[in-house]
Protein backbone atom coordinates (compact mmCIF):
# COMPACT_ATOMS: atom_id res chain seq x y z
CA MET A 1 118.06 98.46 139.17
CA ASN A 2 117.41 98.88 135.45
CA LYS A 3 120.22 100.11 133.27
CA HIS A 4 119.83 101.59 129.81
CA MET A 5 122.29 102.71 127.15
CA ASN A 6 120.42 105.16 124.96
CA GLU A 7 120.28 108.79 123.86
CA LEU A 8 117.30 111.02 124.61
CA SER A 9 117.09 114.86 124.01
CA VAL A 10 116.48 116.56 127.36
CA VAL A 11 116.17 120.12 128.73
CA ARG A 12 116.57 120.99 132.35
CA SER A 13 116.25 124.39 134.13
CA PHE A 14 118.05 125.43 137.35
CA ASN A 15 117.45 128.21 139.74
CA VAL A 16 121.16 128.71 140.76
CA ALA A 17 122.27 131.05 143.49
CA ASP A 18 125.65 131.70 141.76
CA PHE A 19 124.28 132.94 138.37
CA ARG A 20 125.73 136.45 138.50
CA THR A 21 127.68 139.17 136.67
CA THR A 22 131.46 139.24 137.28
CA LYS A 23 134.47 141.60 137.24
CA ASP A 24 136.41 139.05 135.28
CA GLU A 25 138.50 140.66 132.47
CA LYS A 26 137.32 138.03 129.86
CA PHE A 27 133.93 136.80 131.04
CA ASN A 28 131.25 139.09 132.52
CA VAL A 29 128.51 136.51 133.58
CA GLU A 30 128.83 133.10 135.13
CA GLY A 31 126.81 130.35 136.80
CA HIS A 32 126.03 126.62 136.90
CA ALA A 33 123.79 125.24 134.09
CA ALA A 34 123.74 121.85 135.75
CA VAL A 35 124.12 120.66 139.33
CA PHE A 36 125.34 117.23 140.51
CA ASN A 37 123.57 114.93 142.94
CA GLN A 38 120.47 116.95 143.31
CA THR A 39 117.41 114.78 143.56
CA THR A 40 114.66 116.55 141.63
CA THR A 41 111.13 115.91 140.57
CA ILE A 42 110.36 115.52 136.77
CA GLY A 43 106.71 116.24 135.92
CA ASN A 44 105.57 114.45 139.14
CA TRP A 45 106.42 111.19 137.32
CA PHE A 46 109.93 110.44 138.53
CA TYR A 47 112.86 111.68 140.44
CA GLU A 48 116.13 112.51 138.63
CA VAL A 49 119.72 112.83 139.60
CA ILE A 50 122.69 113.96 137.45
CA GLU A 51 125.55 112.00 138.84
CA ARG A 52 129.14 113.27 139.35
CA GLY A 53 131.15 112.10 136.27
CA ALA A 54 128.23 112.60 133.88
CA PHE A 55 130.19 115.08 131.78
CA ASP A 56 133.38 113.14 131.67
CA GLU A 57 132.92 111.91 128.12
CA CYS A 58 130.65 114.71 126.95
CA ASP A 59 130.88 116.35 123.56
CA PHE A 60 131.28 120.24 124.19
CA ASP A 61 132.65 120.90 120.63
CA ASP A 62 130.15 123.64 119.84
CA VAL A 63 127.79 125.05 122.44
CA LEU A 64 125.60 128.24 122.11
CA PHE A 65 124.28 130.58 124.80
CA PHE A 66 120.63 131.80 124.36
CA VAL A 67 117.90 133.33 126.46
CA ASN A 68 115.02 131.04 127.18
CA HIS A 69 116.27 128.54 124.47
CA ASN A 70 115.20 131.07 121.71
CA MET A 71 117.37 129.68 118.92
CA ASN A 72 115.76 132.04 116.46
CA LYS A 73 117.75 134.84 118.10
CA ILE A 74 121.43 135.71 117.73
CA PRO A 75 123.39 133.79 120.41
CA MET A 76 124.64 135.76 123.45
CA ALA A 77 127.87 133.80 123.33
CA ARG A 78 129.47 130.62 121.83
CA SER A 79 131.92 128.09 123.00
CA ARG A 80 133.98 126.21 120.44
CA ARG A 81 136.59 123.69 121.54
CA ASN A 82 140.08 124.57 120.59
CA ASN A 83 139.03 127.93 119.26
CA GLY A 84 140.69 130.97 120.66
CA ASN A 85 137.80 133.18 119.54
CA SER A 86 135.27 131.42 121.78
CA THR A 87 133.24 133.86 123.85
CA MET A 88 132.06 131.27 126.37
CA LYS A 89 133.88 128.71 128.52
CA LEU A 90 132.45 125.53 129.97
CA GLU A 91 134.07 123.95 133.03
CA VAL A 92 133.02 120.85 134.93
CA ASP A 93 133.76 121.44 138.65
CA ASP A 94 132.72 120.00 142.05
CA VAL A 95 129.21 121.55 141.79
CA GLY A 96 128.40 120.75 138.12
CA LEU A 97 128.69 122.43 134.75
CA LEU A 98 129.97 125.99 135.12
CA VAL A 99 129.34 128.49 132.36
CA LYS A 100 131.38 131.68 131.94
CA ALA A 101 130.28 133.92 129.12
CA ASP A 102 131.42 137.20 127.62
CA LEU A 103 128.25 139.29 126.74
CA ASP A 104 128.88 142.07 124.26
CA ILE A 105 127.11 144.67 126.33
CA GLU A 106 128.53 147.55 124.23
CA ASN A 107 127.40 146.50 120.72
CA ASN A 108 124.51 144.16 121.44
CA SER A 109 121.42 145.74 123.06
CA GLU A 110 119.93 142.40 124.01
CA ALA A 111 123.16 141.34 125.66
CA LYS A 112 123.19 144.50 127.65
CA THR A 113 119.68 143.98 128.78
CA LEU A 114 120.40 140.41 129.80
CA HIS A 115 123.50 141.50 131.67
CA SER A 116 121.51 144.11 133.54
CA SER A 117 118.72 141.55 134.37
CA ILE A 118 121.25 139.11 135.83
CA SER A 119 122.94 141.89 137.83
CA ARG A 120 119.61 142.95 139.24
CA GLY A 121 118.61 139.29 140.05
CA ASP A 122 115.57 139.52 137.65
CA ILE A 123 117.08 136.59 135.86
CA ASP A 124 118.47 133.84 138.14
CA GLY A 125 118.00 130.65 136.35
CA MET A 126 119.97 128.60 133.85
CA SER A 127 119.08 125.68 131.61
CA PHE A 128 120.79 123.45 129.24
CA ALA A 129 119.80 121.15 126.42
CA PHE A 130 121.60 117.85 126.25
CA ARG A 131 121.47 114.19 125.10
CA ILE A 132 121.64 111.40 127.48
CA LYS A 133 123.99 108.50 126.74
CA GLU A 134 123.66 106.29 129.80
CA GLN A 135 121.12 106.23 132.55
CA THR A 136 119.91 103.91 135.33
CA TRP A 137 116.44 103.49 136.63
CA GLU A 138 115.59 102.44 140.18
CA ASN A 139 112.35 101.49 141.83
CA LEU A 140 110.30 101.28 138.64
CA ASP A 141 107.55 99.41 140.49
CA THR A 142 106.78 102.49 142.53
CA ASP A 143 104.75 105.58 141.84
CA MET A 144 107.90 107.75 141.82
CA PRO A 145 110.98 105.85 140.42
CA THR A 146 114.38 107.44 140.15
CA ARG A 147 116.38 108.09 136.97
CA ARG A 148 120.18 108.48 137.54
CA ILE A 149 121.88 110.18 134.55
CA GLN A 150 125.29 108.66 134.44
CA LYS A 151 126.64 109.87 131.05
CA ILE A 152 125.72 112.84 128.96
CA ALA A 153 126.60 112.38 125.24
CA LYS A 154 126.38 116.06 124.11
CA VAL A 155 125.41 119.49 125.39
CA PHE A 156 123.76 121.47 122.60
CA GLU A 157 123.14 124.83 124.22
CA VAL A 158 122.84 126.65 127.56
CA SER A 159 120.29 129.46 128.29
CA ALA A 160 119.52 132.09 130.82
CA VAL A 161 115.91 131.57 131.86
CA ASN A 162 113.58 133.80 133.74
CA ASN A 163 111.16 131.11 134.87
CA PRO A 164 112.97 128.07 136.25
CA ALA A 165 110.22 125.53 137.28
CA TYR A 166 111.58 124.83 140.74
CA THR A 167 114.36 125.92 143.05
CA GLN A 168 116.68 123.23 141.73
CA THR A 169 115.62 121.76 138.48
CA ASP A 170 112.59 120.34 136.67
CA ILE A 171 110.79 120.52 133.40
CA ASN A 172 108.69 123.66 133.06
CA ALA A 173 105.08 122.67 133.13
CA ARG A 174 104.38 124.79 130.12
CA ASP A 175 106.78 122.84 127.96
CA LYS A 176 104.48 120.13 126.61
CA GLU A 177 107.00 118.48 124.45
CA ALA A 178 109.52 118.07 127.32
CA LEU A 179 106.83 116.70 129.56
CA GLU A 180 105.86 114.18 126.94
CA ASN A 181 109.49 113.17 126.41
CA ALA A 182 109.83 112.58 130.12
CA LYS A 183 106.64 110.51 130.32
CA ASN A 184 107.81 108.48 127.29
CA ALA A 185 111.17 107.85 128.97
CA LEU A 186 109.44 106.43 132.01
CA ASP A 187 107.03 104.33 130.02
CA ASN A 188 109.97 102.93 128.05
CA ALA A 189 112.00 102.11 131.14
CA ARG A 190 108.94 100.38 132.73
CA SER A 191 108.29 98.38 129.54
CA ASN A 192 111.92 97.20 129.53
CA GLU A 193 111.72 96.23 133.17
CA LEU A 194 108.69 94.22 132.50
CA ASP A 195 110.29 92.41 129.57
CA ASN A 196 113.34 91.70 131.59
CA SER A 197 111.14 90.37 134.50
CA ASN A 198 109.20 88.19 132.20
CA ALA A 199 112.37 86.77 130.65
CA LEU A 200 113.75 86.01 134.21
CA GLU A 201 110.51 84.12 135.11
CA ILE A 202 110.63 82.08 131.93
CA GLU A 203 114.27 81.20 132.66
CA LYS A 204 113.29 80.10 136.23
CA LEU A 205 110.54 77.91 134.87
CA ARG A 206 112.82 76.42 132.23
CA THR A 207 115.36 75.60 135.01
CA GLN A 208 112.76 73.99 137.23
CA ILE A 209 111.56 71.84 134.31
CA LEU A 210 115.08 70.64 133.57
CA MET A 211 115.76 69.80 137.23
CA LYS A 212 112.56 67.85 137.54
CA GLY A 213 113.41 65.97 134.27
């Protein structure tokens, strides 16, 4: 097992069965932007699991809600901690990260379109952008190691997405930057594993020499 304490910017997309419109008086759409303990394939390079408790120390101070991560558009909703005017609420439950948003379907035509698309099931995926604080790598000597995300430092934004890559989560194959980041993360983990292994071998040799002396 190889444990790292570092921070990487990551985007993950989910196809969640519970992304839906609601009759809630305050929030008219909800769904999970992240799911715990789902083993998923990242770029066919490694498996990944977001562990329960990953959001326990997460920074949710200011999180925006977009469509397909298009940050050039006006946000559909926004969550600000300790702000009564927030139009989105983030909750960590037994499933993962639950998003509840109030879309202004009366005054914002794009919000109305999104609400309709979610209601019809045309959009059934969610995604979130975040930074990793703590992760553990397993089986780095295999073709498909596993990364366990144990702590997430910050969530920047959540999005409704119309093309989740797989039924659970994965990097969209068309997102070249995200794929490159994933590959770099694996390369760095394997490099660190090799360095640690070499250091261990050197220490074993040093111990053997001292014992012979």
